[in-house]
């Protein structure tokens, strides 16, 4: 996700401070209310095309992708056909699983942290 003027840690600061734009972003479920941020449709299209590219390059295989929470949330929202921010807030090192078929995307797991239980 390209956060425009809020790159480099500014995003977290603005959200923590309850900046009016951060509140609007959450209410409207759109990243692109942030000045200079990537348009929501462009981000969704980019996430969709990369997941489909991986699926085409690895038919019938399991693929592990390591990414940030914004991409995880967008991928799950696309699979579920849900609100844009329905899956925001993925835990660090969590596992979400998608099954990609030519007909549909299927969510098989979301934000699983069981593998972290008891970790130092």
PDB file of N, CA and C in Angstrom:
ATOM      1  N   UNK A   1       0.852  -1.168   0.000  1.00  0.00           N
ATOM      2  CA  UNK A   1       0.000   0.000   0.000  1.00  0.00           C
ATOM      3  C   UNK A   1       0.895   1.227   0.000  1.00  0.00           C
ATOM      4  N   UNK A   2       0.666   2.086  -0.938  1.00  0.00           N
ATOM      5  CA  UNK A   2       1.401   3.351  -0.997  1.00  0.00           C
ATOM      6  C   UNK A   2       0.610   4.392  -0.208  1.00  0.00           C
ATOM      7  N   UNK A   3       1.186   4.878   0.871  1.00  0.00           N
ATOM      8  CA  UNK A   3       0.484   5.773   1.787  1.00  0.00           C
ATOM      9  C   UNK A   3       0.784   7.252   1.569  1.00  0.00           C
ATOM     10  N   UNK A   4       1.357   7.595   0.446  1.00  0.00           N
ATOM     11  CA  UNK A   4       1.567   9.001   0.103  1.00  0.00           C
ATOM     12  C   UNK A   4       2.319   9.765   1.172  1.00  0.00           C
ATOM     13  N   UNK A   5       1.722  10.860   1.640  1.00  0.00           N
ATOM     14  CA  UNK A   5       2.363  11.733   2.632  1.00  0.00           C
ATOM     15  C   UNK A   5       2.558  11.054   3.987  1.00  0.00           C
ATOM     16  N   UNK A   6       1.932   9.892   4.178  1.00  0.00           N
ATOM     17  CA  UNK A   6       2.004   9.213   5.474  1.00  0.00           C
ATOM     18  C   UNK A   6       2.946   8.015   5.461  1.00  0.00           C
ATOM     19  N   UNK A   7       3.874   7.968   4.542  1.00  0.00           N
ATOM     20  CA  UNK A   7       4.876   6.898   4.511  1.00  0.00           C
ATOM     21  C   UNK A   7       5.884   7.101   5.632  1.00  0.00           C
ATOM     22  N   UNK A   8       6.705   6.088   5.868  1.00  0.00           N
ATOM     23  CA  UNK A   8       7.831   6.195   6.787  1.00  0.00           C
ATOM     24  C   UNK A   8       7.472   6.347   8.253  1.00  0.00           C
ATOM     25  N   UNK A   9       6.397   5.711   8.682  1.00  0.00           N
ATOM     26  CA  UNK A   9       6.019   5.764  10.084  1.00  0.00           C
ATOM     27  C   UNK A   9       5.015   6.849  10.429  1.00  0.00           C
ATOM     28  N   UNK A  10       4.753   7.747   9.492  1.00  0.00           N
ATOM     29  CA  UNK A  10       3.796   8.829   9.743  1.00  0.00           C
ATOM     30  C   UNK A  10       2.393   8.249   9.933  1.00  0.00           C
ATOM     31  N   UNK A  11       2.052   7.202   9.177  1.00  0.00           N
ATOM     32  CA  UNK A  11       0.729   6.584   9.276  1.00  0.00           C
ATOM     33  C   UNK A  11       0.414   6.181  10.714  1.00  0.00           C
ATOM     34  N   UNK A  12       1.321   5.431  11.322  1.00  0.00           N
ATOM     35  CA  UNK A  12       1.087   4.960  12.697  1.00  0.00           C
ATOM     36  C   UNK A  12       0.898   6.136  13.668  1.00  0.00           C
ATOM     37  N   UNK A  13       1.702   7.160  13.485  1.00  0.00           N
ATOM     38  CA  UNK A  13       1.616   8.348  14.346  1.00  0.00           C
ATOM     39  C   UNK A  13       0.254   9.017  14.186  1.00  0.00           C
ATOM     40  N   UNK A  14      -0.181   9.218  12.958  1.00  0.00           N
ATOM     41  CA  UNK A  14      -1.449   9.899  12.704  1.00  0.00           C
ATOM     42  C   UNK A  14      -2.635   9.097  13.242  1.00  0.00           C
ATOM     43  N   UNK A  15      -2.578   7.772  13.094  1.00  0.00           N
ATOM     44  CA  UNK A  15      -3.654   6.929  13.618  1.00  0.00           C
ATOM     45  C   UNK A  15      -3.661   6.982  15.141  1.00  0.00           C
ATOM     46  N   UNK A  16      -2.474   6.868  15.752  1.00  0.00           N
ATOM     47  CA  UNK A  16      -2.374   6.885  17.217  1.00  0.00           C
ATOM     48  C   UNK A  16      -2.867   8.210  17.796  1.00  0.00           C
ATOM     49  N   UNK A  17      -2.639   9.300  17.080  1.00  0.00           N
ATOM     50  CA  UNK A  17      -3.060  10.624  17.551  1.00  0.00           C
ATOM     51  C   UNK A  17      -4.517  10.930  17.228  1.00  0.00           C
ATOM     52  N   UNK A  18      -5.185  10.036  16.483  1.00  0.00           N
ATOM     53  CA  UNK A  18      -6.576  10.288  16.117  1.00  0.00           C
ATOM     54  C   UNK A  18      -6.741  11.450  15.152  1.00  0.00           C
ATOM     55  N   UNK A  19      -5.779  11.607  14.250  1.00  0.00           N
ATOM     56  CA  UNK A  19      -5.834  12.677  13.262  1.00  0.00           C
ATOM     57  C   UNK A  19      -7.168  12.588  12.493  1.00  0.00           C
ATOM     58  N   UNK A  20      -7.785  13.746  12.179  1.00  0.00           N
ATOM     59  CA  UNK A  20      -9.072  13.727  11.476  1.00  0.00           C
ATOM     60  C   UNK A  20      -9.066  12.906  10.180  1.00  0.00           C
ATOM     61  N   UNK A  21      -7.970  12.941   9.441  1.00  0.00           N
ATOM     62  CA  UNK A  21      -7.900  12.152   8.212  1.00  0.00           C
ATOM     63  C   UNK A  21      -7.864  10.660   8.530  1.00  0.00           C
ATOM     64  N   UNK A  22      -7.196  10.292   9.614  1.00  0.00           N
ATOM     65  CA  UNK A  22      -7.167   8.882  10.023  1.00  0.00           C
ATOM     66  C   UNK A  22      -8.565   8.419  10.416  1.00  0.00           C
ATOM     67  N   UNK A  23      -9.304   9.273  11.093  1.00  0.00           N
ATOM     68  CA  UNK A  23     -10.674   8.939  11.471  1.00  0.00           C
ATOM     69  C   UNK A  23     -11.558   8.806  10.234  1.00  0.00           C
ATOM     70  N   UNK A  24     -11.372   9.690   9.281  1.00  0.00           N
ATOM     71  CA  UNK A  24     -12.133   9.618   8.026  1.00  0.00           C
ATOM     72  C   UNK A  24     -11.776   8.349   7.265  1.00  0.00           C
ATOM     73  N   UNK A  25     -10.489   8.021   7.214  1.00  0.00           N
ATOM     74  CA  UNK A  25     -10.027   6.806   6.539  1.00  0.00           C
ATOM     75  C   UNK A  25     -10.732   5.579   7.111  1.00  0.00           C
ATOM     76  N   UNK A  26     -10.774   5.484   8.421  1.00  0.00           N
ATOM     77  CA  UNK A  26     -11.415   4.342   9.073  1.00  0.00           C
ATOM     78  C   UNK A  26     -12.920   4.334   8.824  1.00  0.00           C
ATOM     79  N   UNK A  27     -13.553   5.480   8.903  1.00  0.00           N
ATOM     80  CA  UNK A  27     -15.008   5.559   8.716  1.00  0.00           C
ATOM     81  C   UNK A  27     -15.419   5.205   7.288  1.00  0.00           C
ATOM     82  N   UNK A  28     -14.636   5.682   6.325  1.00  0.00           N
ATOM     83  CA  UNK A  28     -14.963   5.443   4.915  1.00  0.00           C
ATOM     84  C   UNK A  28     -14.342   4.165   4.373  1.00  0.00           C
ATOM     85  N   UNK A  29     -13.463   3.541   5.160  1.00  0.00           N
ATOM     86  CA  UNK A  29     -12.745   2.334   4.749  1.00  0.00           C
ATOM     87  C   UNK A  29     -12.043   2.535   3.404  1.00  0.00           C
ATOM     88  N   UNK A  30     -11.243   3.612   3.373  1.00  0.00           N
ATOM     89  CA  UNK A  30     -10.485   3.968   2.165  1.00  0.00           C
ATOM     90  C   UNK A  30      -9.120   4.497   2.574  1.00  0.00           C
ATOM     91  N   UNK A  31      -8.086   3.901   2.017  1.00  0.00           N
ATOM     92  CA  UNK A  31      -6.734   4.405   2.257  1.00  0.00           C
ATOM     93  C   UNK A  31      -6.509   5.713   1.525  1.00  0.00           C
ATOM     94  N   UNK A  32      -7.178   5.898   0.411  1.00  0.00           N
ATOM     95  CA  UNK A  32      -6.871   7.022  -0.459  1.00  0.00           C
ATOM     96  C   UNK A  32      -7.407   8.367   0.007  1.00  0.00           C
ATOM     97  N   UNK A  33      -7.928   8.451   1.220  1.00  0.00           N
ATOM     98  CA  UNK A  33      -8.229   9.776   1.789  1.00  0.00           C
ATOM     99  C   UNK A  33      -6.946  10.419   2.328  1.00  0.00           C
ATOM    100  N   UNK A  34      -5.904   9.617   2.502  1.00  0.00           N
ATOM    101  CA  UNK A  34      -4.593  10.128   2.913  1.00  0.00           C
ATOM    102  C   UNK A  34      -4.000  10.872   1.717  1.00  0.00           C
ATOM    103  N   UNK A  35      -3.503  12.094   1.921  1.00  0.00           N
ATOM    104  CA  UNK A  35      -2.940  12.855   0.800  1.00  0.00           C
ATOM    105  C   UNK A  35      -1.836  12.079   0.069  1.00  0.00           C
ATOM    106  N   UNK A  36      -2.020  11.947  -1.237  1.00  0.00           N
ATOM    107  CA  UNK A  36      -1.027  11.285  -2.081  1.00  0.00           C
ATOM    108  C   UNK A  36      -1.065   9.769  -2.040  1.00  0.00           C
ATOM    109  N   UNK A  37      -1.985   9.177  -1.284  1.00  0.00           N
ATOM    110  CA  UNK A  37      -2.045   7.718  -1.163  1.00  0.00           C
ATOM    111  C   UNK A  37      -2.593   7.088  -2.446  1.00  0.00           C
ATOM    112  N   UNK A  38      -2.263   5.828  -2.610  1.00  0.00           N
ATOM    113  CA  UNK A  38      -2.702   5.050  -3.761  1.00  0.00           C
ATOM    114  C   UNK A  38      -4.232   4.931  -3.773  1.00  0.00           C
ATOM    115  N   UNK A  39      -4.873   5.152  -4.911  1.00  0.00           N
ATOM    116  CA  UNK A  39      -6.330   4.985  -4.981  1.00  0.00           C
ATOM    117  C   UNK A  39      -6.749   3.559  -4.605  1.00  0.00           C
ATOM    118  N   UNK A  40      -7.874   3.441  -3.922  1.00  0.00           N
ATOM    119  CA  UNK A  40      -8.351   2.144  -3.429  1.00  0.00           C
ATOM    120  C   UNK A  40      -8.494   1.124  -4.549  1.00  0.00           C
ATOM    121  N   UNK A  41      -9.056   1.526  -5.670  1.00  0.00           N
ATOM    122  CA  UNK A  41      -9.229   0.597  -6.793  1.00  0.00           C
ATOM    123  C   UNK A  41      -7.904   0.121  -7.362  1.00  0.00           C
ATOM    124  N   UNK A  42      -6.930   1.007  -7.405  1.00  0.00           N
ATOM    125  CA  UNK A  42      -5.611   0.632  -7.911  1.00  0.00           C
ATOM    126  C   UNK A  42      -4.949  -0.381  -6.982  1.00  0.00           C
ATOM    127  N   UNK A  43      -5.067  -0.147  -5.687  1.00  0.00           N
ATOM    128  CA  UNK A  43      -4.482  -1.078  -4.713  1.00  0.00           C
ATOM    129  C   UNK A  43      -5.154  -2.446  -4.817  1.00  0.00           C
ATOM    130  N   UNK A  44      -6.485  -2.463  -4.841  1.00  0.00           N
ATOM    131  CA  UNK A  44      -7.209  -3.734  -4.954  1.00  0.00           C
ATOM    132  C   UNK A  44      -6.819  -4.454  -6.242  1.00  0.00           C
ATOM    133  N   UNK A  45      -6.715  -3.719  -7.333  1.00  0.00           N
ATOM    134  CA  UNK A  45      -6.322  -4.322  -8.609  1.00  0.00           C
ATOM    135  C   UNK A  45      -4.913  -4.882  -8.572  1.00  0.00           C
ATOM    136  N   UNK A  46      -4.024  -4.173  -7.920  1.00  0.00           N
ATOM    137  CA  UNK A  46      -2.630  -4.638  -7.816  1.00  0.00           C
ATOM    138  C   UNK A  46      -2.541  -5.918  -6.993  1.00  0.00           C
ATOM    139  N   UNK A  47      -3.265  -5.960  -5.873  1.00  0.00           N
ATOM    140  CA  UNK A  47      -3.267  -7.167  -5.035  1.00  0.00           C
ATOM    141  C   UNK A  47      -3.865  -8.337  -5.809  1.00  0.00           C
ATOM    142  N   UNK A  48      -5.008  -8.114  -6.444  1.00  0.00           N
ATOM    143  CA  UNK A  48      -5.663  -9.177  -7.207  1.00  0.00           C
ATOM    144  C   UNK A  48      -4.739  -9.713  -8.308  1.00  0.00           C
ATOM    145  N   UNK A  49      -4.131  -8.820  -9.076  1.00  0.00           N
ATOM    146  CA  UNK A  49      -3.302  -9.277 -10.203  1.00  0.00           C
ATOM    147  C   UNK A  49      -2.085 -10.065  -9.729  1.00  0.00           C
ATOM    148  N   UNK A  50      -1.485  -9.675  -8.614  1.00  0.00           N
ATOM    149  CA  UNK A  50      -0.319 -10.415  -8.123  1.00  0.00           C
ATOM    150  C   UNK A  50      -0.696 -11.792  -7.594  1.00  0.00           C
ATOM    151  N   UNK A  51      -1.824 -11.884  -6.901  1.00  0.00           N
ATOM    152  CA  UNK A  51      -2.262 -13.201  -6.418  1.00  0.00           C
ATOM    153  C   UNK A  51      -2.616 -14.094  -7.591  1.00  0.00           C
ATOM    154  N   UNK A  52      -3.302 -13.563  -8.573  1.00  0.00           N
ATOM    155  CA  UNK A  52      -3.643 -14.362  -9.756  1.00  0.00           C
ATOM    156  C   UNK A  52      -2.389 -14.764 -10.523  1.00  0.00           C
ATOM    157  N   UNK A  53      -1.406 -13.883 -10.581  1.00  0.00           N
ATOM    158  CA  UNK A  53      -0.139 -14.209 -11.257  1.00  0.00           C
ATOM    159  C   UNK A  53       0.538 -15.384 -10.559  1.00  0.00           C
ATOM    160  N   UNK A  54       0.577 -15.358  -9.233  1.00  0.00           N
ATOM    161  CA  UNK A  54       1.172 -16.467  -8.478  1.00  0.00           C
ATOM    162  C   UNK A  54       0.410 -17.770  -8.717  1.00  0.00           C
ATOM    163  N   UNK A  55      -0.914 -17.695  -8.714  1.00  0.00           N
ATOM    164  CA  UNK A  55      -1.733 -18.895  -8.916  1.00  0.00           C
ATOM    165  C   UNK A  55      -1.491 -19.502 -10.296  1.00  0.00           C
ATOM    166  N   UNK A  56      -1.382 -18.666 -11.314  1.00  0.00           N
ATOM    167  CA  UNK A  56      -1.144 -19.152 -12.680  1.00  0.00           C
ATOM    168  C   UNK A  56       0.250 -19.767 -12.805  1.00  0.00           C
ATOM    169  N   UNK A  57       1.221 -19.183 -12.143  1.00  0.00           N
ATOM    170  CA  UNK A  57       2.605 -19.682 -12.224  1.00  0.00           C
ATOM    171  C   UNK A  57       2.832 -20.946 -11.409  1.00  0.00           C
ATOM    172  N   UNK A  58       1.923 -21.238 -10.460  1.00  0.00           N
ATOM    173  CA  UNK A  58       2.090 -22.391  -9.573  1.00  0.00           C
ATOM    174  C   UNK A  58       0.797 -23.201  -9.466  1.00  0.00           C
ATOM    175  N   UNK A  59       0.278 -23.709 -10.590  1.00  0.00           N
ATOM    176  CA  UNK A  59      -0.992 -24.438 -10.538  1.00  0.00           C
ATOM    177  C   UNK A  59      -0.884 -25.697  -9.673  1.00  0.00           C
ATOM    178  N   UNK A  60      -1.855 -25.877  -8.782  1.00  0.00           N
ATOM    179  CA  UNK A  60      -1.892 -27.065  -7.940  1.00  0.00           C
ATOM    180  C   UNK A  60      -0.843 -27.096  -6.844  1.00  0.00           C
ATOM    181  N   UNK A  61      -0.096 -26.019  -6.676  1.00  0.00           N
ATOM    182  CA  UNK A  61       0.960 -25.979  -5.673  1.00  0.00           C
ATOM    183  C   UNK A  61       0.575 -25.061  -4.515  1.00  0.00           C
ATOM    184  N   UNK A  62       1.258 -25.262  -3.396  1.00  0.00           N
ATOM    185  CA  UNK A  62       1.144 -24.325  -2.280  1.00  0.00           C
ATOM    186  C   UNK A  62       2.222 -23.272  -2.446  1.00  0.00           C
ATOM    187  N   UNK A  63       1.847 -22.051  -2.177  1.00  0.00           N
ATOM    188  CA  UNK A  63       2.779 -20.932  -2.287  1.00  0.00           C
ATOM    189  C   UNK A  63       2.685 -20.135  -0.993  1.00  0.00           C
ATOM    190  N   UNK A  64       3.819 -19.791  -0.434  1.00  0.00           N
ATOM    191  CA  UNK A  64       3.858 -18.934   0.747  1.00  0.00           C
ATOM    192  C   UNK A  64       4.266 -17.533   0.309  1.00  0.00           C
ATOM    193  N   UNK A  65       3.509 -16.563   0.746  1.00  0.00           N
ATOM    194  CA  UNK A  65       3.823 -15.164   0.461  1.00  0.00           C
ATOM    195  C   UNK A  65       3.891 -14.424   1.790  1.00  0.00           C
ATOM    196  N   UNK A  66       4.901 -13.625   1.961  1.00  0.00           N
ATOM    197  CA  UNK A  66       5.105 -12.861   3.192  1.00  0.00           C
ATOM    198  C   UNK A  66       4.910 -11.393   2.856  1.00  0.00           C
ATOM    199  N   UNK A  67       3.955 -10.751   3.541  1.00  0.00           N
ATOM    200  CA  UNK A  67       3.615  -9.386   3.177  1.00  0.00           C
ATOM    201  C   UNK A  67       3.061  -8.626   4.376  1.00  0.00           C
ATOM    202  N   UNK A  68       2.734  -7.394   4.148  1.00  0.00           N
ATOM    203  CA  UNK A  68       2.208  -6.515   5.192  1.00  0.00           C
ATOM    204  C   UNK A  68       0.702  -6.695   5.366  1.00  0.00           C
ATOM    205  N   UNK A  69       0.200  -6.204   6.492  1.00  0.00           N
ATOM    206  CA  UNK A  69      -1.204  -6.348   6.845  1.00  0.00           C
ATOM    207  C   UNK A  69      -2.173  -5.726   5.859  1.00  0.00           C
ATOM    208  N   UNK A  70      -1.796  -4.636   5.227  1.00  0.00           N
ATOM    209  CA  UNK A  70      -2.691  -4.010   4.249  1.00  0.00           C
ATOM    210  C   UNK A  70      -2.984  -4.919   3.074  1.00  0.00           C
ATOM    211  N   UNK A  71      -1.952  -5.611   2.605  1.00  0.00           N
ATOM    212  CA  UNK A  71      -2.121  -6.549   1.488  1.00  0.00           C
ATOM    213  C   UNK A  71      -2.935  -7.756   1.941  1.00  0.00           C
ATOM    214  N   UNK A  72      -2.650  -8.258   3.137  1.00  0.00           N
ATOM    215  CA  UNK A  72      -3.413  -9.391   3.669  1.00  0.00           C
ATOM    216  C   UNK A  72      -4.889  -9.020   3.769  1.00  0.00           C
ATOM    217  N   UNK A  73      -5.178  -7.879   4.360  1.00  0.00           N
ATOM    218  CA  UNK A  73      -6.557  -7.447   4.506  1.00  0.00           C
ATOM    219  C   UNK A  73      -7.256  -7.276   3.173  1.00  0.00           C
ATOM    220  N   UNK A  74      -6.558  -6.711   2.204  1.00  0.00           N
ATOM    221  CA  UNK A  74      -7.157  -6.511   0.880  1.00  0.00           C
ATOM    222  C   UNK A  74      -7.410  -7.845   0.192  1.00  0.00           C
ATOM    223  N   UNK A  75      -6.462  -8.772   0.274  1.00  0.00           N
ATOM    224  CA  UNK A  75      -6.639 -10.086  -0.358  1.00  0.00           C
ATOM    225  C   UNK A  75      -7.838 -10.825   0.240  1.00  0.00           C
ATOM    226  N   UNK A  76      -7.963 -10.796   1.551  1.00  0.00           N
ATOM    227  CA  UNK A  76      -9.084 -11.470   2.207  1.00  0.00           C
ATOM    228  C   UNK A  76     -10.408 -10.783   1.890  1.00  0.00           C
ATOM    229  N   UNK A  77     -10.415  -9.464   1.837  1.00  0.00           N
ATOM    230  CA  UNK A  77     -11.635  -8.738   1.475  1.00  0.00           C
ATOM    231  C   UNK A  77     -12.061  -9.075   0.053  1.00  0.00           C
ATOM    232  N   UNK A  78     -11.096  -9.182  -0.862  1.00  0.00           N
ATOM    233  CA  UNK A  78     -11.420  -9.574  -2.233  1.00  0.00           C
ATOM    234  C   UNK A  78     -12.013 -10.977  -2.269  1.00  0.00           C
ATOM    235  N   UNK A  79     -11.412 -11.897  -1.521  1.00  0.00           N
ATOM    236  CA  UNK A  79     -11.893 -13.279  -1.498  1.00  0.00           C
ATOM    237  C   UNK A  79     -13.299 -13.366  -0.920  1.00  0.00           C
ATOM    238  N   UNK A  80     -13.565 -12.589   0.108  1.00  0.00           N
ATOM    239  CA  UNK A  80     -14.858 -12.641   0.785  1.00  0.00           C
ATOM    240  C   UNK A  80     -15.918 -11.764   0.120  1.00  0.00           C
ATOM    241  N   UNK A  81     -15.485 -10.851  -0.741  1.00  0.00           N
ATOM    242  CA  UNK A  81     -16.428  -9.890  -1.298  1.00  0.00           C
ATOM    243  C   UNK A  81     -16.987  -8.975  -0.215  1.00  0.00           C
ATOM    244  N   UNK A  82     -16.136  -8.656   0.754  1.00  0.00           N
ATOM    245  CA  UNK A  82     -16.576  -7.905   1.931  1.00  0.00           C
ATOM    246  C   UNK A  82     -16.205  -6.428   1.839  1.00  0.00           C
ATOM    247  N   UNK A  83     -16.519  -5.713   2.912  1.00  0.00           N
ATOM    248  CA  UNK A  83     -16.105  -4.322   3.048  1.00  0.00           C
ATOM    249  C   UNK A  83     -14.573  -4.250   2.938  1.00  0.00           C
ATOM    250  N   UNK A  84     -14.049  -3.145   2.457  1.00  0.00           N
ATOM    251  CA  UNK A  84     -12.606  -3.039   2.261  1.00  0.00           C
ATOM    252  C   UNK A  84     -11.761  -3.261   3.518  1.00  0.00           C
ATOM    253  N   UNK A  85     -12.240  -2.816   4.687  1.00  0.00           N
ATOM    254  CA  UNK A  85     -11.433  -2.928   5.907  1.00  0.00           C
ATOM    255  C   UNK A  85     -11.892  -4.065   6.813  1.00  0.00           C
ATOM    256  N   UNK A  86     -12.695  -4.983   6.308  1.00  0.00           N
ATOM    257  CA  UNK A  86     -13.222  -6.073   7.140  1.00  0.00           C
ATOM    258  C   UNK A  86     -12.121  -6.942   7.726  1.00  0.00           C
ATOM    259  N   UNK A  87     -10.970  -7.014   7.065  1.00  0.00           N
ATOM    260  CA  UNK A  87      -9.889  -7.891   7.511  1.00  0.00           C
ATOM    261  C   UNK A  87      -8.618  -7.130   7.868  1.00  0.00           C
ATOM    262  N   UNK A  88      -8.734  -5.865   8.238  1.00  0.00           N
ATOM    263  CA  UNK A  88      -7.534  -5.119   8.638  1.00  0.00           C
ATOM    264  C   UNK A  88      -7.077  -5.574  10.016  1.00  0.00           C
ATOM    265  N   UNK A  89      -5.819  -5.341  10.302  1.00  0.00           N
ATOM    266  CA  UNK A  89      -5.288  -5.634  11.634  1.00  0.00           C
ATOM    267  C   UNK A  89      -4.710  -7.017  11.798  1.00  0.00           C
ATOM    268  N   UNK A  90      -4.191  -7.608  10.730  1.00  0.00           N
ATOM    269  CA  UNK A  90      -3.559  -8.922  10.853  1.00  0.00           C
ATOM    270  C   UNK A  90      -2.405  -8.836  11.854  1.00  0.00           C
ATOM    271  N   UNK A  91      -2.321  -9.827  12.723  1.00  0.00           N
ATOM    272  CA  UNK A  91      -1.239  -9.891  13.706  1.00  0.00           C
ATOM    273  C   UNK A  91       0.095 -10.153  12.997  1.00  0.00           C
ATOM    274  N   UNK A  92       1.181  -9.618  13.554  1.00  0.00           N
ATOM    275  CA  UNK A  92       2.507  -9.913  13.018  1.00  0.00           C
ATOM    276  C   UNK A  92       2.748 -11.412  13.048  1.00  0.00           C
ATOM    277  N   UNK A  93       3.274 -11.939  11.971  1.00  0.00           N
ATOM    278  CA  UNK A  93       3.630 -13.354  11.804  1.00  0.00           C
ATOM    279  C   UNK A  93       2.418 -14.288  11.785  1.00  0.00           C
ATOM    280  N   UNK A  94       1.209 -13.733  11.607  1.00  0.00           N
ATOM    281  CA  UNK A  94       0.024 -14.588  11.506  1.00  0.00           C
ATOM    282  C   UNK A  94      -0.029 -15.243  10.129  1.00  0.00           C
ATOM    283  N   UNK A  95      -0.845 -16.275  10.045  1.00  0.00           N
ATOM    284  CA  UNK A  95      -1.016 -17.006   8.791  1.00  0.00           C
ATOM    285  C   UNK A  95      -2.471 -16.907   8.365  1.00  0.00           C
ATOM    286  N   UNK A  96      -2.665 -16.462   7.137  1.00  0.00           N
ATOM    287  CA  UNK A  96      -3.981 -16.476   6.504  1.00  0.00           C
ATOM    288  C   UNK A  96      -3.840 -17.338   5.256  1.00  0.00           C
ATOM    289  N   UNK A  97      -4.857 -18.155   4.993  1.00  0.00           N
ATOM    290  CA  UNK A  97      -4.771 -19.101   3.866  1.00  0.00           C
ATOM    291  C   UNK A  97      -5.897 -18.860   2.879  1.00  0.00           C
ATOM    292  N   UNK A  98      -5.507 -18.776   1.610  1.00  0.00           N
ATOM    293  CA  UNK A  98      -6.459 -18.653   0.511  1.00  0.00           C
ATOM    294  C   UNK A  98      -6.270 -19.820  -0.435  1.00  0.00           C
ATOM    295  N   UNK A  99      -7.361 -20.318  -0.965  1.00  0.00           N
ATOM    296  CA  UNK A  99      -7.318 -21.291  -2.054  1.00  0.00           C
ATOM    297  C   UNK A  99      -7.804 -20.533  -3.281  1.00  0.00           C
ATOM    298  N   UNK A 100      -6.983 -20.527  -4.311  1.00  0.00           N
ATOM    299  CA  UNK A 100      -7.309 -19.789  -5.521  1.00  0.00           C
ATOM    300  C   UNK A 100      -7.643 -20.790  -6.617  1.00  0.00           C
ATOM    301  N   UNK A 101      -8.851 -20.709  -7.134  1.00  0.00           N
ATOM    302  CA  UNK A 101      -9.271 -21.551  -8.252  1.00  0.00           C
ATOM    303  C   UNK A 101      -9.649 -20.626  -9.404  1.00  0.00           C
ATOM    304  N   UNK A 102      -9.780 -21.171 -10.598  1.00  0.00           N
ATOM    305  CA  UNK A 102     -10.221 -20.308 -11.709  1.00  0.00           C
ATOM    306  C   UNK A 102     -11.604 -19.691 -11.468  1.00  0.00           C
ATOM    307  N   UNK A 103     -12.427 -20.350 -10.674  1.00  0.00           N
ATOM    308  CA  UNK A 103     -13.788 -19.876 -10.447  1.00  0.00           C
ATOM    309  C   UNK A 103     -13.906 -18.906  -9.275  1.00  0.00           C
ATOM    310  N   UNK A 104     -13.089 -19.098  -8.235  1.00  0.00           N
ATOM    311  CA  UNK A 104     -13.267 -18.277  -7.024  1.00  0.00           C
ATOM    312  C   UNK A 104     -12.034 -18.331  -6.129  1.00  0.00           C
ATOM    313  N   UNK A 105     -12.008 -17.402  -5.192  1.00  0.00           N
ATOM    314  CA  UNK A 105     -11.019 -17.407  -4.116  1.00  0.00           C
ATOM    315  C   UNK A 105     -11.742 -17.874  -2.867  1.00  0.00           C
ATOM    316  N   UNK A 106     -11.116 -18.768  -2.122  1.00  0.00           N
ATOM    317  CA  UNK A 106     -11.743 -19.340  -0.931  1.00  0.00           C
ATOM    318  C   UNK A 106     -10.839 -19.084   0.265  1.00  0.00           C
ATOM    319  N   UNK A 107     -11.396 -18.521   1.344  1.00  0.00           N
ATOM    320  CA  UNK A 107     -10.636 -18.295   2.578  1.00  0.00           C
ATOM    321  C   UNK A 107     -10.676 -19.589   3.388  1.00  0.00           C
ATOM    322  N   UNK A 108      -9.501 -20.131   3.700  1.00  0.00           N
ATOM    323  CA  UNK A 108      -9.401 -21.349   4.505  1.00  0.00           C
ATOM    324  C   UNK A 108      -8.875 -21.070   5.908  1.00  0.00           C
ATOM    325  N   UNK A 109      -8.377 -19.897   6.142  1.00  0.00           N
ATOM    326  CA  UNK A 109      -7.889 -19.515   7.462  1.00  0.00           C
ATOM    327  C   UNK A 109      -7.561 -18.038   7.466  1.00  0.00           C
ATOM    328  N   UNK A 110      -7.643 -17.436   8.648  1.00  0.00           N
ATOM    329  CA  UNK A 110      -7.434 -15.991   8.736  1.00  0.00           C
ATOM    330  C   UNK A 110      -6.762 -15.639  10.063  1.00  0.00           C
ATOM    331  N   UNK A 111      -5.636 -14.950   9.983  1.00  0.00           N
ATOM    332  CA  UNK A 111      -4.982 -14.376  11.155  1.00  0.00           C
ATOM    333  C   UNK A 111      -4.649 -15.419  12.229  1.00  0.00           C
ATOM    334  N   UNK A 112      -4.243 -16.606  11.815  1.00  0.00           N
ATOM    335  CA  UNK A 112      -3.916 -17.696  12.728  1.00  0.00           C
ATOM    336  C   UNK A 112      -2.546 -17.418  13.379  1.00  0.00           C
ATOM    337  N   UNK A 113      -2.520 -17.451  14.699  1.00  0.00           N
ATOM    338  CA  UNK A 113      -1.259 -17.246  15.432  1.00  0.00           C
ATOM    339  C   UNK A 113      -0.941 -18.443  16.330  1.00  0.00           C
ATOM    340  N   UNK A 114      -1.608 -19.569  16.134  1.00  0.00           N
ATOM    341  CA  UNK A 114      -1.399 -20.744  16.998  1.00  0.00           C
ATOM    342  C   UNK A 114       0.070 -21.180  16.998  1.00  0.00           C
ATOM    343  N   UNK A 115       0.749 -21.028  15.882  1.00  0.00           N
ATOM    344  CA  UNK A 115       2.159 -21.422  15.786  1.00  0.00           C
ATOM    345  C   UNK A 115       3.068 -20.559  16.657  1.00  0.00           C
ATOM    346  N   UNK A 116       2.547 -19.448  17.144  1.00  0.00           N
ATOM    347  CA  UNK A 116       3.332 -18.548  17.984  1.00  0.00           C
ATOM    348  C   UNK A 116       3.139 -18.822  19.480  1.00  0.00           C
ATOM    349  N   UNK A 117       2.147 -19.637  19.837  1.00  0.00           N
ATOM    350  CA  UNK A 117       1.890 -19.925  21.234  1.00  0.00           C
ATOM    351  C   UNK A 117       3.134 -20.510  21.894  1.00  0.00           C
ATOM    352  N   UNK A 118       3.523 -19.938  22.994  1.00  0.00           N
ATOM    353  CA  UNK A 118       4.678 -20.416  23.730  1.00  0.00           C
ATOM    354  C   UNK A 118       6.008 -19.977  23.152  1.00  0.00           C
ATOM    355  N   UNK A 119       5.985 -19.165  22.110  1.00  0.00           N
ATOM    356  CA  UNK A 119       7.231 -18.672  21.523  1.00  0.00           C
ATOM    357  C   UNK A 119       7.879 -17.695  22.496  1.00  0.00           C
ATOM    358  N   UNK A 120       9.200 -17.694  22.556  1.00  0.00           N
ATOM    359  CA  UNK A 120       9.886 -16.773  23.485  1.00  0.00           C
ATOM    360  C   UNK A 120       9.691 -15.325  23.085  1.00  0.00           C
TER     361      UNK A 120
END
